[in-house]
């Protein structure tokens, strides 16, 4: 794609997603290429300066001539894009992970994407803040903080924030590649400065649909009520915009039911008809004449030769005074079953920190193992270093975490990404008066990480901070023996 084509595609696609307001499994491993972050050829130098926000003078790590190097990437000039009512901050993308993983930090405002599925990648979500309502095929539920959702490839899904407050979730995409779509479809911006939503045009809907298809994202034929019309007092004859953003071959139809929620009576049934290739219908709302300050429920039902977006098929309508009216989302998070965190997760104390298992290899078909690590306040954590059993990555969430690697230490504020190659000697410290928290995960060999934590950790939850821990020395020696020539094997050098 040349520069001119890319510019045109970017304009069409970014407008498409903003106005919607919807807003082959690879053997995954970390093979990171950090040339964009200032790393030098490890065969020619003995150390490099980590681009970190550490205040300590000791912010370098030694590099061996035949080994990979720990890398720290703070949250500095990290790109972000607005799409699907989300701000997707790029934590790591395929350019740096050998195409194996893309990691995004999402802030989700009210709204969400059209129903779709991916043919090339699996997606995994860890909800950190707020509530997000999901559709997985015909299953609907509201995910709460601490829950993990698997969205395998070829599985139809959608999600919305049906509440009033922003939500935050971390998204793991395996393999990478979707980051390229986000760059084309999204509008650059930060989470604290959302663009103003606009209603779509047929040309923008068609252009966005074609771009989705170019990246292996399938959007089946569906009808939905588009969110940009919500929460705005409008003047004139009351109307509702229904769109057909996915496949649009052939005719399609449905019915809009206007009902009185007080007695559940039907006020009007309005036909919704789309011709071949038609993408937008502006429906006049009837049956509500003279009902000032009364609420009505609008619901899309009975699709023919199409489907209904299950999370975007309902609106609440209020006829105001002086020829005005207001529409809002017809759903709230409480309308759906709640997905709650596991009340008894597997938790282990290891090296002075508590590792709570969020996702295991069985949940992710062997693609990902994820732990949420709690580091208590005033915890030195450096008496015994752990040995990374496989390539690991960390993404810090809360607190002021100190990471010790070999004989070096550096600070990691929230939103710092750290890569620890297999065999790295590491530990966590927290010298502050408040706890710290980081995600720890691998896509290299999930079973190695899980076996390591469960074998050498002490089972207990994070509330029991002062439990005794067995010495790690014997365990680390055992690991070294079972790993064979761990320190002598030929490992891929970091490219630059």
Protein backbone atom coordinates (compact mmCIF):
# COMPACT_ATOMS: atom_id res chain seq x y z
CA UNK A 1 0.00 0.00 0.00
CA UNK A 2 1.55 3.29 -1.07
CA UNK A 3 1.45 6.48 1.00
CA UNK A 4 -1.45 7.97 -0.92
CA UNK A 5 -3.56 4.83 -0.60
CA UNK A 6 -2.74 4.53 3.09
CA UNK A 7 -3.75 8.15 3.69
CA UNK A 8 -7.10 7.62 1.98
CA UNK A 9 -7.71 4.35 3.82
CA UNK A 10 -6.85 5.98 7.14
CA UNK A 11 -9.35 8.79 6.61
CA UNK A 12 -12.16 6.47 5.61
CA UNK A 13 -11.51 3.95 8.33
CA UNK A 14 -10.97 6.31 11.24
CA UNK A 15 -14.17 8.15 10.39
CA UNK A 16 -16.00 4.81 10.07
CA UNK A 17 -15.21 3.67 13.60
CA UNK A 18 -15.70 7.00 15.30
CA UNK A 19 -19.11 7.61 13.82
CA UNK A 20 -20.22 4.10 14.60
CA UNK A 21 -19.34 4.98 18.14
CA UNK A 22 -18.79 1.33 18.43
CA UNK A 23 -17.42 2.97 19.03
CA UNK A 24 -3.52 -20.22 12.36
CA UNK A 25 -2.65 -20.71 15.95
CA UNK A 26 1.08 -19.97 15.95
CA UNK A 27 3.54 -21.55 18.31
CA UNK A 28 3.79 -18.38 20.36
CA UNK A 29 7.02 -17.29 21.95
CA UNK A 30 8.83 -14.07 22.63
CA UNK A 31 11.39 -13.39 19.96
CA UNK A 32 11.58 -9.68 20.59
CA UNK A 33 13.38 -7.27 18.31
CA UNK A 34 13.97 -4.05 20.22
CA UNK A 35 15.94 -2.13 17.62
CA UNK A 36 13.44 0.73 17.81
CA UNK A 37 14.19 1.21 21.47
CA UNK A 38 17.92 1.78 21.27
CA UNK A 39 19.33 -1.69 21.85
CA UNK A 40 22.72 -2.41 20.32
CA UNK A 41 24.23 -5.59 18.93
CA UNK A 42 24.89 -7.79 21.96
CA UNK A 43 27.92 -9.39 20.34
CA UNK A 44 29.81 -6.10 20.20
CA UNK A 45 29.00 -4.33 23.47
CA UNK A 46 29.05 -5.20 27.12
CA UNK A 47 26.17 -3.07 28.37
CA UNK A 48 23.45 -0.69 27.27
CA UNK A 49 21.35 1.97 28.93
CA UNK A 50 17.77 0.96 29.62
CA UNK A 51 15.26 3.57 28.43
CA UNK A 52 13.51 3.56 31.80
CA UNK A 53 12.11 6.11 34.19
CA UNK A 54 14.35 4.80 36.97
CA UNK A 55 15.90 7.37 39.25
CA UNK A 56 18.74 5.12 40.39
CA UNK A 57 22.14 5.57 38.82
CA UNK A 58 22.38 1.82 38.23
CA UNK A 59 20.11 1.71 35.22
CA UNK A 60 22.20 -0.53 32.98
CA UNK A 61 22.17 -4.28 32.57
CA UNK A 62 25.01 -6.48 31.42
CA UNK A 63 24.70 -8.23 28.07
CA UNK A 64 26.33 -11.55 27.33
CA UNK A 65 27.59 -12.21 23.83
CA UNK A 66 25.35 -15.25 23.31
CA UNK A 67 22.21 -14.38 25.24
CA UNK A 68 19.09 -12.24 25.07
CA UNK A 69 18.85 -9.17 27.24
CA UNK A 70 16.25 -7.90 29.72
CA UNK A 71 14.54 -4.84 28.26
CA UNK A 72 12.46 -2.16 29.99
CA UNK A 73 9.98 -0.01 28.08
CA UNK A 74 8.32 2.76 30.12
CA UNK A 75 5.11 4.47 29.10
CA UNK A 76 6.73 7.21 27.00
CA UNK A 77 5.29 8.28 23.63
CA UNK A 78 3.35 5.03 23.41
CA UNK A 79 0.91 5.25 20.47
CA UNK A 80 -2.83 5.09 21.06
CA UNK A 81 -5.81 4.99 18.73
CA UNK A 82 -9.52 5.64 19.17
CA UNK A 83 -11.77 2.96 17.71
CA UNK A 84 -14.93 1.09 18.76
CA UNK A 85 -15.47 3.64 21.59
CA UNK A 86 -12.10 2.39 22.86
CA UNK A 87 -8.74 4.00 23.26
CA UNK A 88 -6.26 1.24 22.42
CA UNK A 89 -2.81 2.05 23.79
CA UNK A 90 -0.11 0.00 22.10
CA UNK A 91 1.96 -1.63 24.85
CA UNK A 92 3.72 -4.07 22.52
CA UNK A 93 3.13 -4.90 18.86
CA UNK A 94 4.27 -7.46 16.33
CA UNK A 95 7.28 -5.43 15.17
CA UNK A 96 8.85 -6.00 18.59
CA UNK A 97 7.62 -9.52 19.37
CA UNK A 98 8.62 -11.30 16.18
CA UNK A 99 4.96 -11.20 15.17
CA UNK A 100 3.93 -13.49 18.02
CA UNK A 101 1.98 -11.13 20.30
CA UNK A 102 0.27 -7.75 20.40
CA UNK A 103 -0.59 -6.28 23.81
CA UNK A 104 -3.06 -3.41 24.26
CA UNK A 105 -4.23 -1.37 27.24
CA UNK A 106 -7.86 -0.42 26.50
CA UNK A 107 -9.99 2.34 27.98
CA UNK A 108 -13.59 1.69 26.90
CA UNK A 109 -16.26 4.39 26.92
CA UNK A 110 -19.99 3.67 26.50
CA UNK A 111 -20.54 1.92 23.18
CA UNK A 112 -18.79 -0.97 21.49
CA UNK A 113 -18.00 -2.74 18.20
CA UNK A 114 -20.32 -4.47 15.75
CA UNK A 115 -20.57 -8.29 15.97
CA UNK A 116 -17.54 -9.83 14.26
CA UNK A 117 -14.98 -12.61 14.45
CA UNK A 118 -11.29 -12.99 13.69
CA UNK A 119 -9.97 -15.64 11.33
CA UNK A 120 -6.26 -15.10 12.04
CA UNK A 121 -5.83 -14.46 15.77
CA UNK A 122 -7.06 -15.40 19.24
CA UNK A 123 -7.89 -12.65 21.72
CA UNK A 124 -7.74 -12.78 25.51
CA UNK A 125 -9.02 -10.08 27.87
CA UNK A 126 -8.28 -9.30 31.52
CA UNK A 127 -10.70 -6.74 32.98
CA UNK A 128 -9.05 -4.29 35.39
CA UNK A 129 -11.64 -1.57 36.03
CA UNK A 130 -15.33 -1.01 35.35
CA UNK A 131 -17.75 -3.42 33.71
CA UNK A 132 -17.86 -4.62 30.10
CA UNK A 133 -20.77 -6.58 28.65
CA UNK A 134 -19.83 -9.30 26.15
CA UNK A 135 -21.51 -11.33 23.46
CA UNK A 136 -19.81 -14.65 22.64
CA UNK A 137 -21.96 -16.28 19.95
CA UNK A 138 -25.39 -16.19 21.67
CA UNK A 139 -24.03 -15.99 25.24
CA UNK A 140 -24.36 -12.60 26.98
CA UNK A 141 -22.73 -11.57 30.27
CA UNK A 142 -21.19 -8.58 32.05
CA UNK A 143 -17.53 -9.02 33.01
CA UNK A 144 -16.33 -7.41 36.24
CA UNK A 145 -12.79 -6.50 37.40
CA UNK A 146 -10.57 -9.54 37.86
CA UNK A 147 -12.27 -11.65 35.21
CA UNK A 148 -10.62 -13.23 32.18
CA UNK A 149 -12.37 -13.71 28.83
CA UNK A 150 -11.20 -15.90 25.96
CA UNK A 151 -12.26 -14.88 22.44
CA UNK A 152 -10.93 -17.65 20.16
CA UNK A 153 -10.63 -17.08 16.46
CA UNK A 154 -13.74 -17.85 14.38
CA UNK A 155 -16.01 -17.16 17.40
CA UNK A 156 -18.54 -14.37 16.87
CA UNK A 157 -18.26 -11.71 19.54
CA UNK A 158 -19.00 -8.12 20.45
CA UNK A 159 -18.75 -6.03 23.59
CA UNK A 160 -20.16 -2.79 24.95
CA UNK A 161 -19.71 -0.59 27.95
CA UNK A 162 -23.36 -0.26 28.93
CA UNK A 163 -22.54 1.74 32.04
CA UNK A 164 -21.76 5.39 32.60
CA UNK A 165 -18.13 5.09 33.71
CA UNK A 166 -15.09 4.17 31.56
CA UNK A 167 -13.80 0.62 31.82
CA UNK A 168 -10.24 -0.66 31.45
CA UNK A 169 -9.04 -4.00 30.17
CA UNK A 170 -5.80 -5.54 28.94
CA UNK A 171 -6.03 -7.39 25.63
CA UNK A 172 -3.59 -10.08 24.49
CA UNK A 173 -3.76 -10.87 20.75
CA UNK A 174 -1.93 -13.98 19.47
CA UNK A 175 -0.40 -13.80 16.93
CA UNK A 176 0.13 -10.10 16.26
CA UNK A 177 -1.11 -8.29 13.17
CA UNK A 178 -4.31 -6.66 14.36
CA UNK A 179 -2.20 -3.66 15.43
CA UNK A 180 -1.90 -2.81 11.74
CA UNK A 181 -5.68 -2.74 11.43
CA UNK A 182 -5.98 -0.50 14.49
CA UNK A 183 -3.55 1.98 12.96
CA UNK A 184 -5.60 2.18 9.77
CA UNK A 185 -9.05 2.14 11.36
CA UNK A 186 -8.38 4.24 14.41
CA UNK A 187 -7.82 7.92 15.02
CA UNK A 188 -4.61 8.75 16.94
CA UNK A 189 -5.32 10.09 20.41
CA UNK A 190 -5.09 9.58 24.15
CA UNK A 191 -7.70 8.18 26.49
CA UNK A 192 -8.32 11.57 28.12
CA UNK A 193 -9.28 13.27 24.85
CA UNK A 194 -11.97 11.29 23.01
CA UNK A 195 -13.15 12.53 19.61
CA UNK A 196 -16.71 13.75 19.15
CA UNK A 197 -18.90 10.93 17.77
CA UNK A 198 -20.75 11.44 14.50
CA UNK A 199 -23.40 9.51 12.66
CA UNK A 200 -22.15 7.42 9.72
CA UNK A 201 -22.46 7.73 5.98
CA UNK A 202 -22.94 4.72 3.68
CA UNK A 203 -19.54 5.34 2.05
CA UNK A 204 -17.74 5.25 5.38
CA UNK A 205 -19.52 2.09 6.48
CA UNK A 206 -18.59 0.35 3.23
CA UNK A 207 -14.96 1.47 3.42
CA UNK A 208 -14.61 0.31 7.00
CA UNK A 209 -16.18 -3.05 6.22
CA UNK A 210 -13.71 -3.63 3.38
CA UNK A 211 -10.73 -2.81 5.62
CA UNK A 212 -11.92 -5.23 8.29
CA UNK A 213 -12.10 -7.95 5.66
CA UNK A 214 -8.57 -7.13 4.44
CA UNK A 215 -7.28 -8.05 7.92
CA UNK A 216 -9.23 -11.28 8.23
CA UNK A 217 -11.99 -9.80 10.40
CA UNK A 218 -15.43 -11.01 9.34
CA UNK A 219 -18.48 -8.84 10.12
CA UNK A 220 -21.63 -10.86 9.33
CA UNK A 221 -24.82 -9.17 8.20
CA UNK A 222 -26.37 -7.49 11.25
CA UNK A 223 -28.57 -4.54 12.21
CA UNK A 224 -27.86 -2.31 15.17
CA UNK A 225 -28.85 0.97 16.80
CA UNK A 226 -25.81 3.20 16.55
CA UNK A 227 -24.71 4.87 19.83
CA UNK A 228 -23.67 8.39 18.63
CA UNK A 229 -27.34 9.41 18.75
CA UNK A 230 -27.51 8.60 22.49
CA UNK A 231 -27.52 11.24 25.22
CA UNK A 232 -28.10 14.20 22.90
CA UNK A 233 -31.29 16.26 23.05
CA UNK A 234 -32.46 16.68 19.47
CA UNK A 235 -35.09 18.87 17.85
CA UNK A 236 -37.62 17.96 15.19
CA UNK A 237 -39.62 14.89 14.30
CA UNK A 238 -38.42 11.94 16.42
CA UNK A 239 -36.35 9.41 14.51
CA UNK A 240 -33.96 6.54 15.13
CA UNK A 241 -30.94 5.61 13.00
CA UNK A 242 -30.44 1.88 12.34
CA UNK A 243 -27.33 0.76 10.46
CA UNK A 244 -26.15 -2.36 8.63
CA UNK A 245 -22.35 -2.16 9.08
CA UNK A 246 -21.30 -5.70 8.13
CA UNK A 247 -22.16 -7.82 5.11
CA UNK A 248 -24.89 -6.08 3.11
CA UNK A 249 -25.61 -8.40 0.18
CA UNK A 250 -29.28 -8.76 -0.69
CA UNK A 251 -32.34 -7.40 1.04
CA UNK A 252 -32.78 -7.55 4.81
CA UNK A 253 -35.51 -6.54 7.23
CA UNK A 254 -36.58 -6.44 10.86
CA UNK A 255 -39.20 -4.76 13.06
CA UNK A 256 -38.78 -1.92 15.54
CA UNK A 257 -41.12 -2.37 18.50
CA UNK A 258 -42.14 0.81 20.36
CA UNK A 259 -43.40 -0.13 23.82
CA UNK A 260 -44.44 1.46 27.09
CA UNK A 261 -42.15 0.05 29.82
CA UNK A 262 -44.65 0.89 32.56
CA UNK A 263 -47.17 -1.70 31.40
CA UNK A 264 -45.12 -3.48 28.71
CA UNK A 265 -47.73 -2.60 26.11
CA UNK A 266 -46.84 -2.27 22.42
CA UNK A 267 -47.42 1.24 21.08
CA UNK A 268 -46.25 0.74 17.49
CA UNK A 269 -44.53 -1.75 15.18
CA UNK A 270 -42.32 -0.02 12.62
CA UNK A 271 -40.95 -2.00 9.63
CA UNK A 272 -37.20 -1.78 9.03
CA UNK A 273 -36.26 -2.61 5.43
CA UNK A 274 -32.83 -2.53 3.77
CA UNK A 275 -32.27 -3.01 0.05
CA UNK A 276 -29.28 -4.77 -1.49
CA UNK A 277 -26.15 -2.91 -0.34
CA UNK A 278 -28.14 -0.37 1.68
CA UNK A 279 -26.53 0.49 5.00
CA UNK A 280 -28.55 3.20 6.81
CA UNK A 281 -32.22 3.67 7.68
CA UNK A 282 -33.66 6.75 9.41
CA UNK A 283 -36.88 5.57 11.06
CA UNK A 284 -39.66 7.94 12.07
CA UNK A 285 -40.86 6.99 15.55
CA UNK A 286 -44.66 6.78 15.58
CA UNK A 287 -47.27 6.11 18.23
CA UNK A 288 -45.89 8.58 20.76
CA UNK A 289 -47.71 11.77 19.78
CA UNK A 290 -48.61 13.99 22.74
CA UNK A 291 -46.72 11.85 25.28
CA UNK A 292 -44.40 14.56 26.59
CA UNK A 293 -41.90 13.51 29.30
CA UNK A 294 -42.88 9.88 28.93
CA UNK A 295 -40.37 7.09 28.36
CA UNK A 296 -40.66 4.51 25.60
CA UNK A 297 -38.60 1.44 24.81
CA UNK A 298 -37.40 0.83 21.25
CA UNK A 299 -36.33 -2.73 20.37
CA UNK A 300 -35.16 -4.32 17.11
CA UNK A 301 -36.68 -7.80 16.65
CA UNK A 302 -37.59 -10.43 14.04
CA UNK A 303 -34.67 -10.21 11.59
CA UNK A 304 -35.14 -11.64 8.09
CA UNK A 305 -32.04 -12.47 6.00
CA UNK A 306 -29.87 -10.70 8.59
CA UNK A 307 -29.24 -10.79 12.35
CA UNK A 308 -29.73 -8.42 15.27
CA UNK A 309 -26.76 -7.15 17.28
CA UNK A 310 -27.74 -8.56 20.66
CA UNK A 311 -26.08 -5.79 22.69
CA UNK A 312 -27.11 -2.90 20.44
CA UNK A 313 -30.75 -3.57 19.64
CA UNK A 314 -32.47 -1.47 22.31
CA UNK A 315 -32.86 2.24 23.12
CA UNK A 316 -34.89 4.33 25.55
CA UNK A 317 -36.75 7.27 24.06
CA UNK A 318 -38.11 10.34 25.86
CA UNK A 319 -40.30 12.91 24.13
CA UNK A 320 -39.48 16.31 25.61
CA UNK A 321 -41.07 19.71 25.42
CA UNK A 322 -40.78 22.22 22.57
CA UNK A 323 -40.44 19.57 19.87
CA UNK A 324 -37.38 17.86 21.42
CA UNK A 325 -36.52 14.25 22.16
CA UNK A 326 -33.68 12.22 23.71
CA UNK A 327 -32.38 8.70 23.13
CA UNK A 328 -30.20 6.68 25.50
CA UNK A 329 -28.87 3.13 25.51
CA UNK A 330 -31.61 0.69 26.43
CA UNK A 331 -29.29 -1.59 28.39
CA UNK A 332 -27.34 -1.38 31.63
CA UNK A 333 -24.66 -3.80 32.89
CA UNK A 334 -27.16 -5.24 35.38
CA UNK A 335 -29.41 -6.49 32.57
CA UNK A 336 -27.06 -9.42 32.00
CA UNK A 337 -25.61 -12.21 34.17
CA UNK A 338 -22.49 -11.06 36.00
CA UNK A 339 -19.18 -12.80 35.41
CA UNK A 340 -17.34 -12.56 38.72
CA UNK A 341 -13.70 -13.38 39.55
CA UNK A 342 -12.93 -16.85 40.86
CA UNK A 343 -13.46 -16.55 44.65
CA UNK A 344 -10.77 -19.19 45.26
CA UNK A 345 -8.06 -18.69 42.64
CA UNK A 346 -4.75 -20.50 42.74
CA UNK A 347 -2.42 -18.16 44.65
CA UNK A 348 1.18 -18.76 45.68
CA UNK A 349 3.79 -16.87 47.68
CA UNK A 350 7.09 -16.87 45.86
CA UNK A 351 10.11 -14.65 46.49
CA UNK A 352 8.12 -12.41 48.84
CA UNK A 353 5.34 -11.77 46.28
CA UNK A 354 1.93 -13.33 45.77
CA UNK A 355 1.23 -14.86 42.34
CA UNK A 356 -2.49 -15.24 41.58
CA UNK A 357 -3.23 -17.31 38.51
CA UNK A 358 -5.53 -15.47 36.09
CA UNK A 359 -5.33 -17.77 33.06
CA UNK A 360 -3.70 -21.13 32.45
CA UNK A 361 -2.68 -23.02 29.32
CA UNK A 362 -5.90 -25.07 29.35
CA UNK A 363 -8.05 -21.92 29.18
CA UNK A 364 -6.00 -20.49 26.32
CA UNK A 365 -5.34 -23.68 24.32
CA UNK A 366 -1.68 -23.52 25.29
CA UNK A 367 -1.14 -19.96 24.04
CA UNK A 368 -0.86 -17.93 27.27
CA UNK A 369 -0.20 -18.21 30.97
CA UNK A 370 -1.02 -15.12 33.07
CA UNK A 371 -0.45 -14.23 36.73
CA UNK A 372 -1.46 -11.12 38.66
CA UNK A 373 1.43 -10.49 41.07
CA UNK A 374 0.96 -8.61 44.37
CA UNK A 375 4.08 -7.15 46.01
CA UNK A 376 3.50 -6.07 49.65
CA UNK A 377 4.74 -2.73 50.91
CA UNK A 378 8.23 -2.48 52.42
CA UNK A 379 9.29 -5.77 50.89
CA UNK A 380 12.99 -6.00 49.99
CA UNK A 381 12.52 -9.18 47.95
CA UNK A 382 16.21 -9.44 47.06
CA UNK A 383 17.53 -12.11 49.41
CA UNK A 384 17.15 -14.83 46.78
CA UNK A 385 16.81 -14.21 43.07
CA UNK A 386 14.44 -16.32 41.01
CA UNK A 387 15.41 -17.79 37.65
CA UNK A 388 13.00 -17.12 34.80
CA UNK A 389 11.91 -20.63 33.68
CA UNK A 390 11.03 -19.36 30.19
CA UNK A 391 10.79 -16.02 28.39
CA UNK A 392 8.65 -13.77 30.60
CA UNK A 393 7.02 -10.37 30.25
CA UNK A 394 5.67 -8.00 32.88
CA UNK A 395 3.28 -5.08 32.66
CA UNK A 396 3.14 -3.02 35.84
CA UNK A 397 -0.27 -1.87 37.07
CA UNK A 398 0.00 -0.13 40.44
CA UNK A 399 2.57 1.19 42.88
CA UNK A 400 6.27 1.91 42.57
CA UNK A 401 7.90 -1.44 41.83
CA UNK A 402 11.63 -2.07 41.95
CA UNK A 403 12.88 -4.88 39.72
CA UNK A 404 16.17 -6.56 40.51
CA UNK A 405 17.90 -8.34 37.63
CA UNK A 406 21.21 -10.00 38.48
CA UNK A 407 23.11 -7.30 40.42
CA UNK A 408 21.19 -4.36 38.94
CA UNK A 409 17.96 -2.65 40.05
CA UNK A 410 15.59 -0.21 38.39
CA UNK A 411 12.21 1.31 39.16
CA UNK A 412 9.06 0.58 37.19
CA UNK A 413 6.13 2.96 37.45
CA UNK A 414 2.64 1.84 36.37
CA UNK A 415 2.33 0.98 32.66
CA UNK A 416 5.94 -0.11 32.27
CA UNK A 417 6.60 -3.17 30.09
CA UNK A 418 9.52 -5.45 31.01
CA UNK A 419 10.88 -8.39 29.02
CA UNK A 420 12.89 -11.03 30.92
CA UNK A 421 14.44 -13.73 28.73
CA UNK A 422 14.70 -17.30 29.93
CA UNK A 423 17.41 -17.76 32.55
CA UNK A 424 17.29 -14.17 33.84
CA UNK A 425 17.89 -13.86 37.58
CA UNK A 426 15.24 -11.55 38.98
CA UNK A 427 13.17 -10.51 41.99
CA UNK A 428 10.66 -7.82 42.94
CA UNK A 429 11.13 -5.21 45.66
CA UNK A 430 8.74 -2.62 47.02
CA UNK A 431 10.26 -0.03 49.34
CA UNK A 432 7.13 2.14 49.45
CA UNK A 433 4.43 2.27 52.13
CA UNK A 434 1.79 0.96 49.72
CA UNK A 435 1.57 -2.27 47.76
CA UNK A 436 2.52 -2.73 44.11
CA UNK A 437 1.06 -4.91 41.39
CA UNK A 438 2.22 -6.27 38.04
CA UNK A 439 1.05 -8.74 35.44
CA UNK A 440 3.46 -11.58 34.68
CA UNK A 441 2.89 -13.72 31.61
CA UNK A 442 4.42 -15.84 28.89
CA UNK A 443 3.46 -17.06 25.44
CA UNK A 444 6.69 -19.04 25.09
CA UNK A 445 6.07 -22.14 27.17
CA UNK A 446 3.12 -21.59 29.54
CA UNK A 447 3.55 -24.95 31.25
CA UNK A 448 7.07 -24.01 32.39
CA UNK A 449 5.85 -20.86 34.15
CA UNK A 450 2.90 -22.61 35.76
CA UNK A 451 5.01 -25.56 36.93
CA UNK A 452 7.62 -23.17 38.31
CA UNK A 453 5.18 -21.12 40.39
CA UNK A 454 3.22 -24.12 41.65
CA UNK A 455 6.31 -26.19 42.45
CA UNK A 456 8.37 -23.59 44.30
CA UNK A 457 5.63 -21.30 45.61
CA UNK A 458 3.71 -21.71 48.85
CA UNK A 459 -0.07 -21.90 48.33
CA UNK A 460 -1.93 -19.08 50.09
CA UNK A 461 -3.72 -15.86 49.21
CA UNK A 462 -2.27 -12.35 49.33
CA UNK A 463 -3.96 -11.51 52.64
CA UNK A 464 -1.53 -13.79 54.48
CA UNK A 465 1.66 -11.81 53.97
CA UNK A 466 3.86 -13.32 56.67
CA UNK A 467 3.60 -17.02 55.90
CA UNK A 468 6.87 -18.98 55.94
CA UNK A 469 8.45 -19.77 52.58
CA UNK A 470 10.71 -22.73 51.83
CA UNK A 471 14.16 -21.88 50.59
CA UNK A 472 14.30 -21.46 46.84
CA UNK A 473 17.91 -22.48 46.49
CA UNK A 474 17.24 -26.21 46.23
CA UNK A 475 14.39 -25.58 43.82
CA UNK A 476 16.50 -23.39 41.59
CA UNK A 477 19.28 -25.96 41.52
CA UNK A 478 16.76 -28.64 40.60
CA UNK A 479 15.44 -26.45 37.80
CA UNK A 480 18.93 -25.88 36.47
CA UNK A 481 19.57 -29.62 36.39
CA UNK A 482 16.28 -30.46 34.70
CA UNK A 483 16.79 -27.71 32.14
CA UNK A 484 20.06 -29.32 31.06
CA UNK A 485 22.39 -26.92 29.34
CA UNK A 486 20.16 -23.91 30.01
CA UNK A 487 23.04 -21.47 30.20
CA UNK A 488 25.02 -22.97 27.33
CA UNK A 489 22.41 -23.52 24.66
CA UNK A 490 22.48 -21.37 21.56
CA UNK A 491 19.83 -18.72 21.87
CA UNK A 492 18.66 -16.29 19.28
CA UNK A 493 20.47 -12.97 19.59
CA UNK A 494 18.39 -9.83 19.76
CA UNK A 495 18.11 -8.32 16.27
CA UNK A 496 18.51 -4.66 15.68
